[in-house]
């Protein structure tokens, strides 16, 4: 039998009916208190035919917040809000993971408790501007985490995992990509520590290793995925040798028996892709979920060739809640409206038509 996008796949404890994954997509539509609300329930319900939904990035703590109106998983109200989401997805026969997020330095004092400085591995101010409730504001120089503070954040990941399971999620994805806290530890452009968490590849990867161990202890490794972005320059990120760095990271993660590894294959700022992602996949050895500028034809070719096991789609899922069926029929796709990507109401969120509409 030919393997393609519509072939089933066992991923940890789940059997996915297809290999079309909804990528995590920040949409800035949580209610006050960073609580998921009714329109979020409808948004995810509409997309439940995906082989797997990975939610928008979700903060593990108040210090993890970096953008307005993004959901969390650290309060009871947030857990209850997400319970409505998972219930709706499961009623439709879907499967859903929560993405665990700490933004690190990509924040602003106005978004932090008591207007504190954002936290980071090193006190290096990123270029660019933070998105705040008052509009764009220049990033500030973050405060470097003390050695004794790191275990506290690791425990926040563990508690967030417990909360996600209580909220009914099938598993969790550790967000170690796109210039946020874990990625800031991994790459030498943002990590200049001289202690046990900086310098060598092993030391820069230690924080991810500890977070992954803590999350797996709570959920079981077969309900955990990790997302990486080896050459993404978003959020002012860089690394002196990304191939070596992420070959090492993938090999490190191989030892956990994870459900999957999710990799952004390129730089979403420039569209360039220069690394050998086959090496990263080989180093990991398990289910490999690819992302970055895939369309139907490219995704089919990648799966049929054995280069990847699954493909996640972002922008296409914003505009096409029934993307699986549209792909299956070769139907025309709705065009996304970038003006409604971030913030707002149901317009551009839950009102894209399905094929039968």
C-alpha atoms as a PDB file:
ATOM      1  CA  UNK A   1       0.000   0.000   0.000  1.00  0.00           C
ATOM      2  CA  UNK A   2       1.308   3.455  -0.885  1.00  0.00           C
ATOM      3  CA  UNK A   3       1.861   5.743   2.077  1.00  0.00           C
ATOM      4  CA  UNK A   4       0.606   9.292   1.600  1.00  0.00           C
ATOM      5  CA  UNK A   5      -0.965  12.192   3.517  1.00  0.00           C
ATOM      6  CA  UNK A   6      -4.168  10.198   3.985  1.00  0.00           C
ATOM      7  CA  UNK A   7      -2.536   7.085   5.449  1.00  0.00           C
ATOM      8  CA  UNK A   8      -3.022   6.398   9.164  1.00  0.00           C
ATOM      9  CA  UNK A   9      -0.065   6.678  11.525  1.00  0.00           C
ATOM     10  CA  UNK A  10       0.496   5.651  15.129  1.00  0.00           C
ATOM     11  CA  UNK A  11       1.866   8.602  17.097  1.00  0.00           C
ATOM     12  CA  UNK A  12       2.468   7.729  20.718  1.00  0.00           C
ATOM     13  CA  UNK A  13      -0.853   6.625  22.181  1.00  0.00           C
ATOM     14  CA  UNK A  14      -2.862   7.922  19.224  1.00  0.00           C
ATOM     15  CA  UNK A  15      -3.672   6.450  15.837  1.00  0.00           C
ATOM     16  CA  UNK A  16      -3.985   9.401  13.474  1.00  0.00           C
ATOM     17  CA  UNK A  17      -6.428   8.844  10.578  1.00  0.00           C
ATOM     18  CA  UNK A  18      -4.254  11.031   8.346  1.00  0.00           C
ATOM     19  CA  UNK A  19      -0.882  12.787   8.478  1.00  0.00           C
ATOM     20  CA  UNK A  20      -2.195  16.332   8.036  1.00  0.00           C
ATOM     21  CA  UNK A  21      -1.412  18.265  11.220  1.00  0.00           C
ATOM     22  CA  UNK A  22      -2.712  21.670  12.228  1.00  0.00           C
ATOM     23  CA  UNK A  23       0.346  23.704  13.203  1.00  0.00           C
ATOM     24  CA  UNK A  24       0.357  25.878  16.326  1.00  0.00           C
ATOM     25  CA  UNK A  25      -0.984  29.302  15.347  1.00  0.00           C
ATOM     26  CA  UNK A  26      -1.003  32.342  17.618  1.00  0.00           C
ATOM     27  CA  UNK A  27      -4.264  34.205  16.951  1.00  0.00           C
ATOM     28  CA  UNK A  28      -4.507  36.579  19.971  1.00  0.00           C
ATOM     29  CA  UNK A  29      -8.151  35.873  20.725  1.00  0.00           C
ATOM     30  CA  UNK A  30      -8.163  34.741  24.356  1.00  0.00           C
ATOM     31  CA  UNK A  31     -10.441  36.485  26.819  1.00  0.00           C
ATOM     32  CA  UNK A  32      -9.389  38.555  29.831  1.00  0.00           C
ATOM     33  CA  UNK A  33      -7.068  36.592  32.085  1.00  0.00           C
ATOM     34  CA  UNK A  34      -5.640  34.755  29.046  1.00  0.00           C
ATOM     35  CA  UNK A  35      -8.610  32.392  29.196  1.00  0.00           C
ATOM     36  CA  UNK A  36      -9.870  30.452  26.146  1.00  0.00           C
ATOM     37  CA  UNK A  37     -13.411  31.517  25.249  1.00  0.00           C
ATOM     38  CA  UNK A  38     -16.379  30.409  23.154  1.00  0.00           C
ATOM     39  CA  UNK A  39     -14.999  31.477  19.772  1.00  0.00           C
ATOM     40  CA  UNK A  40     -11.811  29.499  20.487  1.00  0.00           C
ATOM     41  CA  UNK A  41     -13.945  26.417  21.113  1.00  0.00           C
ATOM     42  CA  UNK A  42     -15.647  26.851  17.736  1.00  0.00           C
ATOM     43  CA  UNK A  43     -12.349  27.533  15.934  1.00  0.00           C
ATOM     44  CA  UNK A  44     -10.771  24.269  17.054  1.00  0.00           C
ATOM     45  CA  UNK A  45     -14.006  22.299  16.662  1.00  0.00           C
ATOM     46  CA  UNK A  46     -14.158  23.299  12.997  1.00  0.00           C
ATOM     47  CA  UNK A  47     -10.659  21.883  12.399  1.00  0.00           C
ATOM     48  CA  UNK A  48     -11.099  18.556  14.194  1.00  0.00           C
ATOM     49  CA  UNK A  49     -10.650  16.471  11.022  1.00  0.00           C
ATOM     50  CA  UNK A  50      -6.908  17.163  11.154  1.00  0.00           C
ATOM     51  CA  UNK A  51      -4.877  14.076  11.950  1.00  0.00           C
ATOM     52  CA  UNK A  52      -3.686  16.048  14.959  1.00  0.00           C
ATOM     53  CA  UNK A  53      -4.311  19.604  16.164  1.00  0.00           C
ATOM     54  CA  UNK A  54      -1.481  21.355  17.969  1.00  0.00           C
ATOM     55  CA  UNK A  55      -2.881  24.372  19.774  1.00  0.00           C
ATOM     56  CA  UNK A  56      -1.584  27.881  19.640  1.00  0.00           C
ATOM     57  CA  UNK A  57       1.359  28.488  21.967  1.00  0.00           C
ATOM     58  CA  UNK A  58       0.089  28.575  25.557  1.00  0.00           C
ATOM     59  CA  UNK A  59       1.902  30.154  28.500  1.00  0.00           C
ATOM     60  CA  UNK A  60       3.050  27.959  31.364  1.00  0.00           C
ATOM     61  CA  UNK A  61       3.179  30.885  33.822  1.00  0.00           C
ATOM     62  CA  UNK A  62       2.446  34.616  34.104  1.00  0.00           C
ATOM     63  CA  UNK A  63       6.153  35.269  33.401  1.00  0.00           C
ATOM     64  CA  UNK A  64       5.835  33.325  30.152  1.00  0.00           C
ATOM     65  CA  UNK A  65       3.504  35.898  28.568  1.00  0.00           C
ATOM     66  CA  UNK A  66       4.838  37.803  25.570  1.00  0.00           C
ATOM     67  CA  UNK A  67       1.794  38.943  23.595  1.00  0.00           C
ATOM     68  CA  UNK A  68      -1.695  40.295  24.319  1.00  0.00           C
ATOM     69  CA  UNK A  69      -4.710  37.978  24.435  1.00  0.00           C
ATOM     70  CA  UNK A  70      -2.775  34.711  24.225  1.00  0.00           C
ATOM     71  CA  UNK A  71      -3.994  31.771  26.320  1.00  0.00           C
ATOM     72  CA  UNK A  72      -2.357  30.245  29.358  1.00  0.00           C
ATOM     73  CA  UNK A  73      -2.504  26.915  31.174  1.00  0.00           C
ATOM     74  CA  UNK A  74      -1.545  28.058  34.685  1.00  0.00           C
ATOM     75  CA  UNK A  75      -4.884  29.113  36.237  1.00  0.00           C
ATOM     76  CA  UNK A  76      -8.078  27.197  36.986  1.00  0.00           C
ATOM     77  CA  UNK A  77     -10.077  29.464  34.682  1.00  0.00           C
ATOM     78  CA  UNK A  78      -7.663  28.680  31.851  1.00  0.00           C
ATOM     79  CA  UNK A  79      -7.914  24.939  32.496  1.00  0.00           C
ATOM     80  CA  UNK A  80     -11.714  25.195  32.392  1.00  0.00           C
ATOM     81  CA  UNK A  81     -11.575  27.210  29.177  1.00  0.00           C
ATOM     82  CA  UNK A  82      -9.397  24.586  27.529  1.00  0.00           C
ATOM     83  CA  UNK A  83     -11.675  21.790  28.778  1.00  0.00           C
ATOM     84  CA  UNK A  84     -14.420  23.222  26.569  1.00  0.00           C
ATOM     85  CA  UNK A  85     -12.022  23.179  23.607  1.00  0.00           C
ATOM     86  CA  UNK A  86     -10.855  19.599  24.074  1.00  0.00           C
ATOM     87  CA  UNK A  87     -14.416  18.444  24.675  1.00  0.00           C
ATOM     88  CA  UNK A  88     -15.573  19.967  21.386  1.00  0.00           C
ATOM     89  CA  UNK A  89     -12.653  18.485  19.434  1.00  0.00           C
ATOM     90  CA  UNK A  90     -13.142  15.035  20.940  1.00  0.00           C
ATOM     91  CA  UNK A  91     -16.889  15.142  20.251  1.00  0.00           C
ATOM     92  CA  UNK A  92     -15.984  15.571  16.582  1.00  0.00           C
ATOM     93  CA  UNK A  93     -13.597  12.603  16.753  1.00  0.00           C
ATOM     94  CA  UNK A  94     -10.449  14.738  16.756  1.00  0.00           C
ATOM     95  CA  UNK A  95      -7.132  14.624  18.589  1.00  0.00           C
ATOM     96  CA  UNK A  96      -5.431  17.638  20.181  1.00  0.00           C
ATOM     97  CA  UNK A  97      -2.114  18.486  21.850  1.00  0.00           C
ATOM     98  CA  UNK A  98      -1.387  21.653  23.823  1.00  0.00           C
ATOM     99  CA  UNK A  99       1.792  23.593  22.993  1.00  0.00           C
ATOM    100  CA  UNK A 100       3.685  24.644  26.152  1.00  0.00           C
ATOM    101  CA  UNK A 101       5.245  28.115  25.890  1.00  0.00           C
ATOM    102  CA  UNK A 102       7.544  30.446  27.769  1.00  0.00           C
ATOM    103  CA  UNK A 103       8.609  33.446  25.687  1.00  0.00           C
ATOM    104  CA  UNK A 104      11.721  34.336  27.705  1.00  0.00           C
ATOM    105  CA  UNK A 105      13.135  37.642  26.501  1.00  0.00           C
ATOM    106  CA  UNK A 106      10.449  38.158  23.834  1.00  0.00           C
ATOM    107  CA  UNK A 107       8.216  40.108  26.174  1.00  0.00           C
ATOM    108  CA  UNK A 108       7.936  43.542  27.753  1.00  0.00           C
ATOM    109  CA  UNK A 109       7.623  44.773  31.357  1.00  0.00           C
ATOM    110  CA  UNK A 110       4.032  45.863  30.661  1.00  0.00           C
ATOM    111  CA  UNK A 111       3.160  42.196  30.046  1.00  0.00           C
ATOM    112  CA  UNK A 112       5.015  40.896  33.108  1.00  0.00           C
ATOM    113  CA  UNK A 113       3.828  40.627  36.721  1.00  0.00           C
ATOM    114  CA  UNK A 114       4.719  43.822  38.613  1.00  0.00           C
ATOM    115  CA  UNK A 115       6.228  45.275  35.424  1.00  0.00           C
ATOM    116  CA  UNK A 116       9.326  43.121  35.938  1.00  0.00           C
ATOM    117  CA  UNK A 117      11.991  42.583  33.309  1.00  0.00           C
ATOM    118  CA  UNK A 118      11.513  39.529  31.060  1.00  0.00           C
ATOM    119  CA  UNK A 119      13.680  36.502  31.844  1.00  0.00           C
ATOM    120  CA  UNK A 120      16.321  34.974  29.553  1.00  0.00           C
ATOM    121  CA  UNK A 121      19.435  32.778  29.670  1.00  0.00           C
ATOM    122  CA  UNK A 122      21.594  35.895  29.152  1.00  0.00           C
ATOM    123  CA  UNK A 123      21.023  39.640  29.424  1.00  0.00           C
ATOM    124  CA  UNK A 124      20.988  40.233  25.655  1.00  0.00           C
ATOM    125  CA  UNK A 125      18.365  42.593  24.251  1.00  0.00           C
ATOM    126  CA  UNK A 126      16.808  41.275  21.038  1.00  0.00           C
ATOM    127  CA  UNK A 127      16.451  43.618  18.101  1.00  0.00           C
ATOM    128  CA  UNK A 128      12.898  44.611  17.296  1.00  0.00           C
ATOM    129  CA  UNK A 129       9.728  45.513  19.127  1.00  0.00           C
ATOM    130  CA  UNK A 130       7.388  43.802  21.543  1.00  0.00           C
ATOM    131  CA  UNK A 131       3.663  43.617  20.830  1.00  0.00           C
ATOM    132  CA  UNK A 132       1.906  45.114  23.862  1.00  0.00           C
ATOM    133  CA  UNK A 133      -1.579  46.333  24.773  1.00  0.00           C
ATOM    134  CA  UNK A 134      -0.269  49.859  24.147  1.00  0.00           C
ATOM    135  CA  UNK A 135       1.088  48.973  20.703  1.00  0.00           C
ATOM    136  CA  UNK A 136       4.631  48.198  19.563  1.00  0.00           C
ATOM    137  CA  UNK A 137       7.357  49.019  22.092  1.00  0.00           C
ATOM    138  CA  UNK A 138      11.098  48.416  21.856  1.00  0.00           C
ATOM    139  CA  UNK A 139      12.340  45.216  23.445  1.00  0.00           C
ATOM    140  CA  UNK A 140      14.206  45.738  26.710  1.00  0.00           C
ATOM    141  CA  UNK A 141      17.344  44.042  27.992  1.00  0.00           C
ATOM    142  CA  UNK A 142      16.101  40.965  29.846  1.00  0.00           C
ATOM    143  CA  UNK A 143      17.303  39.748  33.212  1.00  0.00           C
ATOM    144  CA  UNK A 144      19.573  36.708  33.079  1.00  0.00           C
ATOM    145  CA  UNK A 145      18.130  33.801  35.025  1.00  0.00           C
ATOM    146  CA  UNK A 146      19.941  32.854  38.194  1.00  0.00           C
ATOM    147  CA  UNK A 147      21.120  29.273  38.467  1.00  0.00           C
ATOM    148  CA  UNK A 148      18.612  28.645  41.260  1.00  0.00           C
ATOM    149  CA  UNK A 149      15.698  29.984  39.203  1.00  0.00           C
ATOM    150  CA  UNK A 150      15.984  27.441  36.407  1.00  0.00           C
ATOM    151  CA  UNK A 151      14.521  24.486  38.381  1.00  0.00           C
ATOM    152  CA  UNK A 152      11.526  26.704  39.206  1.00  0.00           C
ATOM    153  CA  UNK A 153      10.771  27.141  35.493  1.00  0.00           C
ATOM    154  CA  UNK A 154      11.277  23.423  34.868  1.00  0.00           C
ATOM    155  CA  UNK A 155       8.636  22.769  37.518  1.00  0.00           C
ATOM    156  CA  UNK A 156       6.325  25.279  35.811  1.00  0.00           C
ATOM    157  CA  UNK A 157       6.524  23.119  32.684  1.00  0.00           C
ATOM    158  CA  UNK A 158       5.656  20.073  34.775  1.00  0.00           C
ATOM    159  CA  UNK A 159       2.690  21.817  36.401  1.00  0.00           C
ATOM    160  CA  UNK A 160       1.486  23.096  33.036  1.00  0.00           C
ATOM    161  CA  UNK A 161       1.594  19.514  31.761  1.00  0.00           C
ATOM    162  CA  UNK A 162      -0.497  18.334  34.687  1.00  0.00           C
ATOM    163  CA  UNK A 163      -2.964  21.123  33.972  1.00  0.00           C
ATOM    164  CA  UNK A 164      -3.102  20.236  30.268  1.00  0.00           C
ATOM    165  CA  UNK A 165      -3.950  16.625  31.064  1.00  0.00           C
ATOM    166  CA  UNK A 166      -6.672  17.772  33.468  1.00  0.00           C
ATOM    167  CA  UNK A 167      -8.002  19.933  30.653  1.00  0.00           C
ATOM    168  CA  UNK A 168      -8.411  16.826  28.513  1.00  0.00           C
ATOM    169  CA  UNK A 169      -5.549  17.152  26.043  1.00  0.00           C
ATOM    170  CA  UNK A 170      -4.241  14.015  24.377  1.00  0.00           C
ATOM    171  CA  UNK A 171      -0.674  15.212  24.889  1.00  0.00           C
ATOM    172  CA  UNK A 172       1.588  18.261  24.889  1.00  0.00           C
ATOM    173  CA  UNK A 173       4.192  19.793  22.621  1.00  0.00           C
ATOM    174  CA  UNK A 174       7.203  21.557  24.152  1.00  0.00           C
ATOM    175  CA  UNK A 175       7.784  24.801  22.239  1.00  0.00           C
ATOM    176  CA  UNK A 176      11.568  24.896  21.830  1.00  0.00           C
ATOM    177  CA  UNK A 177      11.483  26.939  18.615  1.00  0.00           C
ATOM    178  CA  UNK A 178      11.135  30.419  17.101  1.00  0.00           C
ATOM    179  CA  UNK A 179      13.324  32.368  19.483  1.00  0.00           C
ATOM    180  CA  UNK A 180      11.453  31.722  22.738  1.00  0.00           C
ATOM    181  CA  UNK A 181      12.970  30.673  26.056  1.00  0.00           C
ATOM    182  CA  UNK A 182      14.150  27.133  25.306  1.00  0.00           C
ATOM    183  CA  UNK A 183      15.450  28.161  21.878  1.00  0.00           C
ATOM    184  CA  UNK A 184      17.273  31.052  23.560  1.00  0.00           C
ATOM    185  CA  UNK A 185      19.169  28.490  25.642  1.00  0.00           C
ATOM    186  CA  UNK A 186      19.922  26.275  22.637  1.00  0.00           C
ATOM    187  CA  UNK A 187      21.477  28.852  20.300  1.00  0.00           C
ATOM    188  CA  UNK A 188      24.792  30.559  20.981  1.00  0.00           C
ATOM    189  CA  UNK A 189      23.589  33.933  19.696  1.00  0.00           C
ATOM    190  CA  UNK A 190      21.317  34.280  22.727  1.00  0.00           C
ATOM    191  CA  UNK A 191      23.089  32.104  25.297  1.00  0.00           C
ATOM    192  CA  UNK A 192      26.387  33.419  26.612  1.00  0.00           C
ATOM    193  CA  UNK A 193      26.251  31.733  30.004  1.00  0.00           C
ATOM    194  CA  UNK A 194      29.415  30.321  31.547  1.00  0.00           C
ATOM    195  CA  UNK A 195      27.738  27.931  33.995  1.00  0.00           C
ATOM    196  CA  UNK A 196      26.212  24.478  33.487  1.00  0.00           C
ATOM    197  CA  UNK A 197      23.650  25.902  31.034  1.00  0.00           C
ATOM    198  CA  UNK A 198      25.951  27.611  28.529  1.00  0.00           C
ATOM    199  CA  UNK A 199      29.044  27.147  26.396  1.00  0.00           C
ATOM    200  CA  UNK A 200      29.187  23.623  24.984  1.00  0.00           C
ATOM    201  CA  UNK A 201      26.373  21.982  23.035  1.00  0.00           C
ATOM    202  CA  UNK A 202      25.693  19.685  25.968  1.00  0.00           C
ATOM    203  CA  UNK A 203      25.360  22.590  28.369  1.00  0.00           C
ATOM    204  CA  UNK A 204      23.209  24.734  26.066  1.00  0.00           C
ATOM    205  CA  UNK A 205      20.852  21.773  25.605  1.00  0.00           C
ATOM    206  CA  UNK A 206      20.658  21.011  29.316  1.00  0.00           C
ATOM    207  CA  UNK A 207      17.592  23.194  29.925  1.00  0.00           C
ATOM    208  CA  UNK A 208      15.650  21.470  27.135  1.00  0.00           C
ATOM    209  CA  UNK A 209      16.764  18.093  28.456  1.00  0.00           C
ATOM    210  CA  UNK A 210      15.516  18.922  31.964  1.00  0.00           C
ATOM    211  CA  UNK A 211      12.218  20.349  30.704  1.00  0.00           C
ATOM    212  CA  UNK A 212      11.621  17.312  28.492  1.00  0.00           C
ATOM    213  CA  UNK A 213      12.365  14.931  31.340  1.00  0.00           C
ATOM    214  CA  UNK A 214       9.967  16.781  33.650  1.00  0.00           C
ATOM    215  CA  UNK A 215       7.171  16.886  31.058  1.00  0.00           C
ATOM    216  CA  UNK A 216       7.637  13.209  30.178  1.00  0.00           C
ATOM    217  CA  UNK A 217       7.494  12.289  33.858  1.00  0.00           C
ATOM    218  CA  UNK A 218       4.030  13.834  34.047  1.00  0.00           C
ATOM    219  CA  UNK A 219       2.517  12.807  30.700  1.00  0.00           C
ATOM    220  CA  UNK A 220       4.548   9.812  29.585  1.00  0.00           C
ATOM    221  CA  UNK A 221       6.992  10.304  26.724  1.00  0.00           C
ATOM    222  CA  UNK A 222       4.482   8.828  24.273  1.00  0.00           C
ATOM    223  CA  UNK A 223       2.251  11.866  24.852  1.00  0.00           C
ATOM    224  CA  UNK A 224       5.000  14.468  24.309  1.00  0.00           C
ATOM    225  CA  UNK A 225       6.334  16.164  21.196  1.00  0.00           C
ATOM    226  CA  UNK A 226       9.039  18.828  20.823  1.00  0.00           C
ATOM    227  CA  UNK A 227       9.198  21.634  18.260  1.00  0.00           C
ATOM    228  CA  UNK A 228      12.532  22.998  16.954  1.00  0.00           C
ATOM    229  CA  UNK A 229      13.470  25.683  14.399  1.00  0.00           C
ATOM    230  CA  UNK A 230      17.171  25.197  13.616  1.00  0.00           C
ATOM    231  CA  UNK A 231      17.692  28.114  11.223  1.00  0.00           C
ATOM    232  CA  UNK A 232      14.744  30.403  11.901  1.00  0.00           C
ATOM    233  CA  UNK A 233      15.981  33.973  12.459  1.00  0.00           C
ATOM    234  CA  UNK A 234      12.616  35.157  13.828  1.00  0.00           C
ATOM    235  CA  UNK A 235      12.972  37.049  17.122  1.00  0.00           C
ATOM    236  CA  UNK A 236      16.589  37.986  16.331  1.00  0.00           C
ATOM    237  CA  UNK A 237      17.958  34.449  16.591  1.00  0.00           C
ATOM    238  CA  UNK A 238      21.217  33.038  15.261  1.00  0.00           C
ATOM    239  CA  UNK A 239      23.641  30.181  15.884  1.00  0.00           C
ATOM    240  CA  UNK A 240      27.251  29.701  14.847  1.00  0.00           C
ATOM    241  CA  UNK A 241      26.711  26.118  13.610  1.00  0.00           C
ATOM    242  CA  UNK A 242      23.014  25.252  13.469  1.00  0.00           C
ATOM    243  CA  UNK A 243      23.563  21.890  11.787  1.00  0.00           C
ATOM    244  CA  UNK A 244      25.836  20.685  14.576  1.00  0.00           C
ATOM    245  CA  UNK A 245      23.630  22.234  17.277  1.00  0.00           C
ATOM    246  CA  UNK A 246      20.423  20.608  16.116  1.00  0.00           C
ATOM    247  CA  UNK A 247      21.945  17.289  15.102  1.00  0.00           C
ATOM    248  CA  UNK A 248      23.009  17.134  18.742  1.00  0.00           C
ATOM    249  CA  UNK A 249      19.608  18.243  20.052  1.00  0.00           C
ATOM    250  CA  UNK A 250      17.771  15.677  17.912  1.00  0.00           C
ATOM    251  CA  UNK A 251      20.087  12.945  19.154  1.00  0.00           C
ATOM    252  CA  UNK A 252      19.501  14.035  22.730  1.00  0.00           C
ATOM    253  CA  UNK A 253      15.723  13.888  22.258  1.00  0.00           C
ATOM    254  CA  UNK A 254      15.966  10.446  20.672  1.00  0.00           C
ATOM    255  CA  UNK A 255      16.653   8.995  24.085  1.00  0.00           C
ATOM    256  CA  UNK A 256      13.240   9.928  25.460  1.00  0.00           C
ATOM    257  CA  UNK A 257      10.973   7.884  23.172  1.00  0.00           C
ATOM    258  CA  UNK A 258       8.841  10.895  22.288  1.00  0.00           C
ATOM    259  CA  UNK A 259       5.647  10.823  20.252  1.00  0.00           C
ATOM    260  CA  UNK A 260       7.264  12.982  17.554  1.00  0.00           C
ATOM    261  CA  UNK A 261       9.775  15.694  16.681  1.00  0.00           C
ATOM    262  CA  UNK A 262       8.301  18.778  14.974  1.00  0.00           C
ATOM    263  CA  UNK A 263      10.817  20.743  12.889  1.00  0.00           C
ATOM    264  CA  UNK A 264      10.480  24.113  11.136  1.00  0.00           C
ATOM    265  CA  UNK A 265      12.602  23.369   8.076  1.00  0.00           C
ATOM    266  CA  UNK A 266      13.945  26.782   7.199  1.00  0.00           C
ATOM    267  CA  UNK A 267      13.842  30.456   8.043  1.00  0.00           C
ATOM    268  CA  UNK A 268      10.302  31.771   8.031  1.00  0.00           C
ATOM    269  CA  UNK A 269      11.654  35.311   7.737  1.00  0.00           C
ATOM    270  CA  UNK A 270      13.597  34.732   4.502  1.00  0.00           C
ATOM    271  CA  UNK A 271      12.145  31.496   3.160  1.00  0.00           C
ATOM    272  CA  UNK A 272      15.633  30.022   2.922  1.00  0.00           C
ATOM    273  CA  UNK A 273      16.448  26.452   3.914  1.00  0.00           C
ATOM    274  CA  UNK A 274      20.083  25.386   3.890  1.00  0.00           C
ATOM    275  CA  UNK A 275      20.438  22.596   6.469  1.00  0.00           C
ATOM    276  CA  UNK A 276      20.334  18.858   5.892  1.00  0.00           C
ATOM    277  CA  UNK A 277      17.116  18.024   7.709  1.00  0.00           C
ATOM    278  CA  UNK A 278      17.545  14.362   6.817  1.00  0.00           C
ATOM    279  CA  UNK A 279      20.442  14.327   9.290  1.00  0.00           C
ATOM    280  CA  UNK A 280      18.230  15.785  12.006  1.00  0.00           C
ATOM    281  CA  UNK A 281      15.525  13.257  11.289  1.00  0.00           C
ATOM    282  CA  UNK A 282      18.022  10.399  11.333  1.00  0.00           C
ATOM    283  CA  UNK A 283      19.498  11.578  14.634  1.00  0.00           C
ATOM    284  CA  UNK A 284      16.019  11.579  16.203  1.00  0.00           C
ATOM    285  CA  UNK A 285      14.882   8.283  14.732  1.00  0.00           C
ATOM    286  CA  UNK A 286      11.179   8.544  15.629  1.00  0.00           C
ATOM    287  CA  UNK A 287       8.104  10.138  14.057  1.00  0.00           C
ATOM    288  CA  UNK A 288       9.197  13.261  12.193  1.00  0.00           C
ATOM    289  CA  UNK A 289       6.732  16.116  11.658  1.00  0.00           C
ATOM    290  CA  UNK A 290       7.858  18.676   9.055  1.00  0.00           C
ATOM    291  CA  UNK A 291       6.766  22.294   8.738  1.00  0.00           C
ATOM    292  CA  UNK A 292       7.578  25.368   6.621  1.00  0.00           C
ATOM    293  CA  UNK A 293       6.071  26.301   3.258  1.00  0.00           C
ATOM    294  CA  UNK A 294       4.604  22.890   2.459  1.00  0.00           C
ATOM    295  CA  UNK A 295       1.714  22.638   0.033  1.00  0.00           C
ATOM    296  CA  UNK A 296      -0.238  19.529  -0.965  1.00  0.00           C
ATOM    297  CA  UNK A 297       2.154  18.413  -3.714  1.00  0.00           C
ATOM    298  CA  UNK A 298       5.314  18.932  -1.688  1.00  0.00           C
ATOM    299  CA  UNK A 299       3.806  17.239   1.350  1.00  0.00           C
ATOM    300  CA  UNK A 300       2.710  14.201  -0.648  1.00  0.00           C
ATOM    301  CA  UNK A 301       6.132  13.861  -2.222  1.00  0.00           C
ATOM    302  CA  UNK A 302       7.896  14.150   1.143  1.00  0.00           C
ATOM    303  CA  UNK A 303       5.754  11.467   2.748  1.00  0.00           C
ATOM    304  CA  UNK A 304       5.795   9.118  -0.236  1.00  0.00           C
ATOM    305  CA  UNK A 305       9.588   9.353  -0.404  1.00  0.00           C
ATOM    306  CA  UNK A 306       9.910   8.575   3.301  1.00  0.00           C
ATOM    307  CA  UNK A 307      11.590  11.890   4.074  1.00  0.00           C
ATOM    308  CA  UNK A 308       8.919  12.816   6.654  1.00  0.00           C
ATOM    309  CA  UNK A 309       6.109  11.063   8.509  1.00  0.00           C
ATOM    310  CA  UNK A 310       3.689  13.983   8.903  1.00  0.00           C
ATOM    311  CA  UNK A 311       3.368  17.581   7.707  1.00  0.00           C
ATOM    312  CA  UNK A 312       1.923  20.510   9.645  1.00  0.00           C
ATOM    313  CA  UNK A 313       0.141  23.370   7.916  1.00  0.00           C
ATOM    314  CA  UNK A 314      -0.322  26.833   9.362  1.00  0.00           C
ATOM    315  CA  UNK A 315      -1.688  29.544   7.086  1.00  0.00           C
ATOM    316  CA  UNK A 316      -3.677  27.013   5.079  1.00  0.00           C
ATOM    317  CA  UNK A 317      -5.450  25.920   8.268  1.00  0.00           C
ATOM    318  CA  UNK A 318      -6.353  29.487   9.159  1.00  0.00           C
ATOM    319  CA  UNK A 319      -8.437  29.812   5.986  1.00  0.00           C
ATOM    320  CA  UNK A 320      -9.524  26.196   5.461  1.00  0.00           C
ATOM    321  CA  UNK A 321     -11.124  24.511   8.472  1.00  0.00           C
ATOM    322  CA  UNK A 322     -11.805  21.431   6.328  1.00  0.00           C
ATOM    323  CA  UNK A 323      -8.293  21.299   4.860  1.00  0.00           C
ATOM    324  CA  UNK A 324      -8.187  17.496   4.937  1.00  0.00           C
ATOM    325  CA  UNK A 325     -11.260  17.167   2.734  1.00  0.00           C
ATOM    326  CA  UNK A 326     -10.132  19.938   0.387  1.00  0.00           C
ATOM    327  CA  UNK A 327      -6.798  18.166  -0.046  1.00  0.00           C
ATOM    328  CA  UNK A 328      -8.536  14.828  -0.558  1.00  0.00           C
ATOM    329  CA  UNK A 329     -10.761  16.245  -3.304  1.00  0.00           C
ATOM    330  CA  UNK A 330      -8.136  18.505  -4.822  1.00  0.00           C
ATOM    331  CA  UNK A 331     -10.600  21.328  -4.196  1.00  0.00           C
ATOM    332  CA  UNK A 332      -9.911  25.042  -4.385  1.00  0.00           C
ATOM    333  CA  UNK A 333      -8.568  26.521  -1.149  1.00  0.00           C
ATOM    334  CA  UNK A 334      -9.904  29.621   0.596  1.00  0.00           C
ATOM    335  CA  UNK A 335      -7.471  32.531   0.520  1.00  0.00           C
ATOM    336  CA  UNK A 336      -6.351  33.697   3.985  1.00  0.00           C
ATOM    337  CA  UNK A 337      -6.790  37.310   5.060  1.00  0.00           C
ATOM    338  CA  UNK A 338      -3.577  38.470   6.828  1.00  0.00           C
ATOM    339  CA  UNK A 339      -5.403  41.503   8.223  1.00  0.00           C
ATOM    340  CA  UNK A 340      -7.356  39.201  10.540  1.00  0.00           C
ATOM    341  CA  UNK A 341      -4.547  36.841  11.609  1.00  0.00           C
ATOM    342  CA  UNK A 342      -3.935  38.481  14.994  1.00  0.00           C
ATOM    343  CA  UNK A 343      -6.621  39.730  17.336  1.00  0.00           C
ATOM    344  CA  UNK A 344     -10.196  40.706  16.645  1.00  0.00           C
ATOM    345  CA  UNK A 345     -13.449  38.786  16.721  1.00  0.00           C
ATOM    346  CA  UNK A 346     -14.932  35.878  14.797  1.00  0.00           C
ATOM    347  CA  UNK A 347     -14.293  37.569  11.455  1.00  0.00           C
ATOM    348  CA  UNK A 348     -11.302  35.901   9.823  1.00  0.00           C
ATOM    349  CA  UNK A 349     -11.346  33.314  12.604  1.00  0.00           C
ATOM    350  CA  UNK A 350     -14.430  31.108  12.528  1.00  0.00           C
ATOM    351  CA  UNK A 351     -16.199  32.418   9.416  1.00  0.00           C
ATOM    352  CA  UNK A 352     -14.108  30.838   6.628  1.00  0.00           C
ATOM    353  CA  UNK A 353     -16.530  28.606   4.685  1.00  0.00           C
ATOM    354  CA  UNK A 354     -16.239  24.848   4.476  1.00  0.00           C
ATOM    355  CA  UNK A 355     -16.724  23.057   1.163  1.00  0.00           C
ATOM    356  CA  UNK A 356     -20.332  22.163   1.945  1.00  0.00           C
ATOM    357  CA  UNK A 357     -21.123  25.832   2.579  1.00  0.00           C
END
